[in-house]
N, C-alpha and C. Protein backbone atom coordinates (compact mmCIF):
# COMPACT_ATOMS: atom_id res chain seq x y z
N MET A 1 32.80 -39.98 -21.06
CA MET A 1 31.44 -40.30 -20.67
C MET A 1 30.73 -41.08 -21.76
N VAL A 2 30.88 -40.62 -22.99
CA VAL A 2 30.19 -41.29 -24.10
C VAL A 2 30.75 -42.70 -24.29
N GLY A 3 32.07 -42.83 -24.21
CA GLY A 3 32.68 -44.15 -24.36
C GLY A 3 32.22 -45.12 -23.28
N GLY A 4 32.13 -44.63 -22.04
CA GLY A 4 31.65 -45.47 -20.95
C GLY A 4 30.21 -45.89 -21.14
N MET A 5 29.40 -44.96 -21.62
CA MET A 5 27.99 -45.28 -21.85
C MET A 5 27.82 -46.27 -23.00
N LEU A 6 28.57 -46.07 -24.08
CA LEU A 6 28.49 -47.02 -25.20
C LEU A 6 28.96 -48.41 -24.78
N ARG A 7 30.03 -48.44 -23.99
CA ARG A 7 30.54 -49.72 -23.51
C ARG A 7 29.52 -50.39 -22.59
N HIS A 8 28.86 -49.61 -21.75
CA HIS A 8 27.83 -50.13 -20.85
C HIS A 8 26.67 -50.72 -21.64
N MET A 9 26.21 -50.00 -22.66
CA MET A 9 25.10 -50.50 -23.47
C MET A 9 25.48 -51.77 -24.22
N LYS A 10 26.71 -51.82 -24.72
CA LYS A 10 27.16 -53.03 -25.42
C LYS A 10 27.22 -54.20 -24.45
N SER A 11 27.69 -53.94 -23.24
CA SER A 11 27.75 -54.99 -22.23
C SER A 11 26.36 -55.50 -21.87
N LEU A 12 25.38 -54.59 -21.79
CA LEU A 12 24.01 -55.01 -21.50
C LEU A 12 23.41 -55.79 -22.65
N ARG A 13 23.67 -55.36 -23.90
CA ARG A 13 23.12 -56.07 -25.05
C ARG A 13 23.68 -57.47 -25.18
N SER A 14 24.97 -57.62 -24.94
CA SER A 14 25.60 -58.93 -25.11
C SER A 14 25.52 -59.79 -23.85
N MET A 15 25.08 -59.20 -22.73
CA MET A 15 24.98 -59.90 -21.45
C MET A 15 26.34 -60.48 -21.03
N ARG A 16 27.40 -59.70 -21.23
CA ARG A 16 28.74 -60.11 -20.84
C ARG A 16 29.39 -59.01 -20.03
N ARG A 17 30.37 -59.42 -19.21
CA ARG A 17 31.15 -58.44 -18.46
C ARG A 17 32.12 -57.72 -19.39
N ASP A 18 32.46 -56.51 -19.05
CA ASP A 18 33.40 -55.77 -19.90
C ASP A 18 34.80 -55.70 -19.27
N ASN A 19 34.99 -56.41 -18.17
CA ASN A 19 36.30 -56.49 -17.48
C ASN A 19 36.82 -55.13 -17.02
N GLY A 20 35.94 -54.27 -16.56
CA GLY A 20 36.36 -53.01 -15.95
C GLY A 20 36.54 -51.84 -16.89
N TRP A 21 36.23 -51.99 -18.17
CA TRP A 21 36.43 -50.89 -19.12
C TRP A 21 35.49 -49.72 -18.84
N ILE A 22 34.30 -49.99 -18.38
CA ILE A 22 33.35 -48.90 -18.11
C ILE A 22 33.93 -47.95 -17.07
N HIS A 23 34.45 -48.49 -15.99
CA HIS A 23 35.01 -47.65 -14.93
C HIS A 23 36.26 -46.90 -15.41
N THR A 24 37.06 -47.57 -16.22
CA THR A 24 38.27 -46.93 -16.74
C THR A 24 37.91 -45.72 -17.61
N LEU A 25 36.93 -45.89 -18.48
CA LEU A 25 36.53 -44.79 -19.36
C LEU A 25 35.87 -43.65 -18.58
N LEU A 26 35.08 -44.00 -17.57
CA LEU A 26 34.46 -42.94 -16.76
C LEU A 26 35.50 -42.19 -15.93
N GLU A 27 36.52 -42.87 -15.43
CA GLU A 27 37.60 -42.20 -14.70
C GLU A 27 38.37 -41.25 -15.63
N GLU A 28 38.60 -41.68 -16.86
CA GLU A 28 39.30 -40.83 -17.81
C GLU A 28 38.47 -39.58 -18.15
N ALA A 29 37.15 -39.75 -18.28
CA ALA A 29 36.29 -38.60 -18.53
C ALA A 29 36.32 -37.63 -17.36
N GLU A 30 36.32 -38.14 -16.15
CA GLU A 30 36.40 -37.28 -14.96
C GLU A 30 37.74 -36.55 -14.92
N ASN A 31 38.81 -37.23 -15.30
CA ASN A 31 40.13 -36.62 -15.33
C ASN A 31 40.16 -35.47 -16.34
N GLU A 32 39.61 -35.68 -17.52
CA GLU A 32 39.57 -34.62 -18.53
C GLU A 32 38.70 -33.45 -18.06
N ARG A 33 37.63 -33.75 -17.36
CA ARG A 33 36.76 -32.69 -16.82
C ARG A 33 37.51 -31.84 -15.80
N MET A 34 38.31 -32.49 -14.97
CA MET A 34 39.08 -31.75 -13.98
C MET A 34 40.15 -30.88 -14.64
N HIS A 35 40.76 -31.39 -15.73
CA HIS A 35 41.71 -30.55 -16.47
C HIS A 35 41.02 -29.31 -17.02
N LEU A 36 39.83 -29.48 -17.55
CA LEU A 36 39.08 -28.35 -18.09
C LEU A 36 38.76 -27.34 -17.00
N LEU A 37 38.28 -27.81 -15.85
CA LEU A 37 37.94 -26.89 -14.76
C LEU A 37 39.17 -26.17 -14.23
N THR A 38 40.31 -26.86 -14.17
CA THR A 38 41.54 -26.21 -13.73
C THR A 38 41.95 -25.12 -14.71
N PHE A 39 41.86 -25.42 -16.01
CA PHE A 39 42.19 -24.42 -17.02
C PHE A 39 41.27 -23.21 -16.92
N LEU A 40 39.98 -23.46 -16.69
CA LEU A 40 39.03 -22.35 -16.59
C LEU A 40 39.32 -21.48 -15.37
N GLN A 41 39.83 -22.06 -14.29
CA GLN A 41 40.19 -21.28 -13.12
C GLN A 41 41.45 -20.45 -13.35
N LEU A 42 42.43 -21.04 -14.04
CA LEU A 42 43.70 -20.34 -14.25
C LEU A 42 43.58 -19.23 -15.28
N ARG A 43 42.96 -19.53 -16.39
CA ARG A 43 42.80 -18.56 -17.47
C ARG A 43 41.34 -18.45 -17.78
N GLN A 44 40.77 -17.34 -17.47
CA GLN A 44 39.34 -17.17 -17.74
C GLN A 44 39.19 -16.76 -19.20
N PRO A 45 38.78 -17.73 -20.05
CA PRO A 45 38.76 -17.47 -21.49
C PRO A 45 37.69 -16.45 -21.88
N GLY A 46 38.03 -15.68 -22.88
CA GLY A 46 37.11 -14.66 -23.37
C GLY A 46 36.20 -15.21 -24.46
N PHE A 47 35.51 -14.29 -25.12
CA PHE A 47 34.54 -14.67 -26.14
C PHE A 47 35.21 -15.30 -27.36
N VAL A 48 36.41 -14.85 -27.70
CA VAL A 48 37.10 -15.38 -28.87
C VAL A 48 37.43 -16.86 -28.67
N PHE A 49 38.00 -17.19 -27.51
CA PHE A 49 38.37 -18.57 -27.24
C PHE A 49 37.12 -19.46 -27.16
N ARG A 50 36.09 -18.97 -26.50
CA ARG A 50 34.84 -19.74 -26.41
C ARG A 50 34.23 -19.95 -27.79
N GLY A 51 34.32 -18.93 -28.64
CA GLY A 51 33.81 -19.06 -30.00
C GLY A 51 34.60 -20.08 -30.81
N LEU A 52 35.91 -20.10 -30.63
CA LEU A 52 36.74 -21.09 -31.34
C LEU A 52 36.43 -22.51 -30.87
N VAL A 53 36.20 -22.68 -29.58
CA VAL A 53 35.83 -24.00 -29.06
C VAL A 53 34.49 -24.42 -29.64
N LEU A 54 33.54 -23.52 -29.67
CA LEU A 54 32.23 -23.84 -30.23
C LEU A 54 32.34 -24.17 -31.72
N LEU A 55 33.14 -23.40 -32.44
CA LEU A 55 33.34 -23.65 -33.86
C LEU A 55 34.00 -25.02 -34.10
N SER A 56 34.95 -25.37 -33.25
CA SER A 56 35.63 -26.67 -33.41
C SER A 56 34.70 -27.83 -33.11
N GLN A 57 33.64 -27.60 -32.36
CA GLN A 57 32.69 -28.67 -32.08
C GLN A 57 31.58 -28.72 -33.13
N VAL A 58 31.23 -27.59 -33.72
CA VAL A 58 30.13 -27.53 -34.67
C VAL A 58 30.60 -27.82 -36.09
N LEU A 59 31.81 -27.40 -36.44
CA LEU A 59 32.30 -27.54 -37.81
C LEU A 59 32.32 -28.99 -38.30
N PRO A 60 32.82 -29.96 -37.53
CA PRO A 60 32.77 -31.35 -38.03
C PRO A 60 31.34 -31.83 -38.28
N LEU A 61 30.40 -31.40 -37.46
CA LEU A 61 29.00 -31.77 -37.68
C LEU A 61 28.48 -31.18 -38.98
N LEU A 62 28.80 -29.93 -39.25
CA LEU A 62 28.37 -29.30 -40.49
C LEU A 62 29.01 -29.97 -41.71
N LEU A 63 30.29 -30.34 -41.58
CA LEU A 63 30.94 -31.02 -42.70
C LEU A 63 30.33 -32.40 -42.93
N LEU A 64 29.99 -33.11 -41.87
CA LEU A 64 29.36 -34.41 -42.01
C LEU A 64 27.99 -34.27 -42.66
N MET A 65 27.22 -33.27 -42.24
CA MET A 65 25.89 -33.07 -42.84
C MET A 65 26.02 -32.70 -44.31
N SER A 66 27.00 -31.87 -44.66
CA SER A 66 27.18 -31.52 -46.07
C SER A 66 27.60 -32.73 -46.88
N LEU A 67 28.40 -33.61 -46.29
CA LEU A 67 28.80 -34.83 -46.99
C LEU A 67 27.61 -35.75 -47.20
N LEU A 68 26.72 -35.83 -46.22
CA LEU A 68 25.55 -36.71 -46.35
C LEU A 68 24.52 -36.17 -47.33
N PHE A 69 24.25 -34.88 -47.27
CA PHE A 69 23.18 -34.31 -48.08
C PHE A 69 23.63 -33.81 -49.45
N PHE A 70 24.87 -33.36 -49.54
CA PHE A 70 25.39 -32.82 -50.80
C PHE A 70 26.68 -33.56 -51.15
N SER A 71 26.60 -34.84 -51.33
CA SER A 71 27.80 -35.66 -51.48
C SER A 71 28.62 -35.29 -52.72
N CYS A 72 27.97 -34.92 -53.81
CA CYS A 72 28.74 -34.62 -55.02
C CYS A 72 29.49 -33.29 -54.89
N SER A 73 28.92 -32.32 -54.23
CA SER A 73 29.59 -31.03 -54.12
C SER A 73 30.51 -30.92 -52.92
N SER A 74 30.36 -31.80 -51.94
CA SER A 74 31.20 -31.68 -50.75
C SER A 74 32.63 -32.14 -51.00
N HIS A 75 32.86 -32.89 -52.07
CA HIS A 75 34.22 -33.31 -52.39
C HIS A 75 34.95 -32.25 -53.20
N VAL A 76 34.25 -31.28 -53.71
CA VAL A 76 34.86 -30.24 -54.53
C VAL A 76 35.60 -29.23 -53.67
N ALA A 77 35.04 -28.83 -52.54
CA ALA A 77 35.65 -27.80 -51.71
C ALA A 77 37.03 -28.20 -51.19
N PRO A 78 37.24 -29.41 -50.63
CA PRO A 78 38.60 -29.77 -50.21
C PRO A 78 39.58 -29.84 -51.38
N LEU A 79 39.08 -30.26 -52.55
CA LEU A 79 39.95 -30.31 -53.72
C LEU A 79 40.38 -28.91 -54.14
N LEU A 80 39.44 -27.95 -54.14
CA LEU A 80 39.79 -26.58 -54.48
C LEU A 80 40.75 -25.98 -53.47
N LEU A 81 40.53 -26.28 -52.19
CA LEU A 81 41.43 -25.78 -51.16
C LEU A 81 42.84 -26.35 -51.34
N THR A 82 42.93 -27.63 -51.66
CA THR A 82 44.23 -28.25 -51.89
C THR A 82 44.92 -27.63 -53.09
N LEU A 83 44.19 -27.42 -54.18
CA LEU A 83 44.78 -26.79 -55.36
C LEU A 83 45.22 -25.37 -55.05
N HIS A 84 44.43 -24.65 -54.26
CA HIS A 84 44.78 -23.28 -53.90
C HIS A 84 46.08 -23.25 -53.09
N LEU A 85 46.26 -24.21 -52.20
CA LEU A 85 47.49 -24.24 -51.41
C LEU A 85 48.70 -24.57 -52.25
N PHE A 86 48.54 -25.43 -53.28
CA PHE A 86 49.67 -25.77 -54.12
C PHE A 86 50.02 -24.65 -55.09
N ILE A 87 49.02 -23.88 -55.52
CA ILE A 87 49.27 -22.82 -56.48
C ILE A 87 49.98 -21.64 -55.82
N PHE A 88 49.52 -21.27 -54.61
CA PHE A 88 50.09 -20.11 -53.94
C PHE A 88 51.06 -20.54 -52.95
């Protein structure tokens, strides 16, 4: 959905055709949505799975915000984690 919308806005700004990419991206988004709904019908996920999905969507945003606001300290944590993995 986001890709189709971005492509649509770019097409409007440049006043050019996108040769069908908008429809292709929207069809792909609908396909992924149907996969999600099928999965939800087959396996009704509990709180743990829903929490992991939420965490996987929020964590990159938190890491990006820490990189933007605390740029000097945000490079230290991955370095420490890497050193910890090599030591143990």
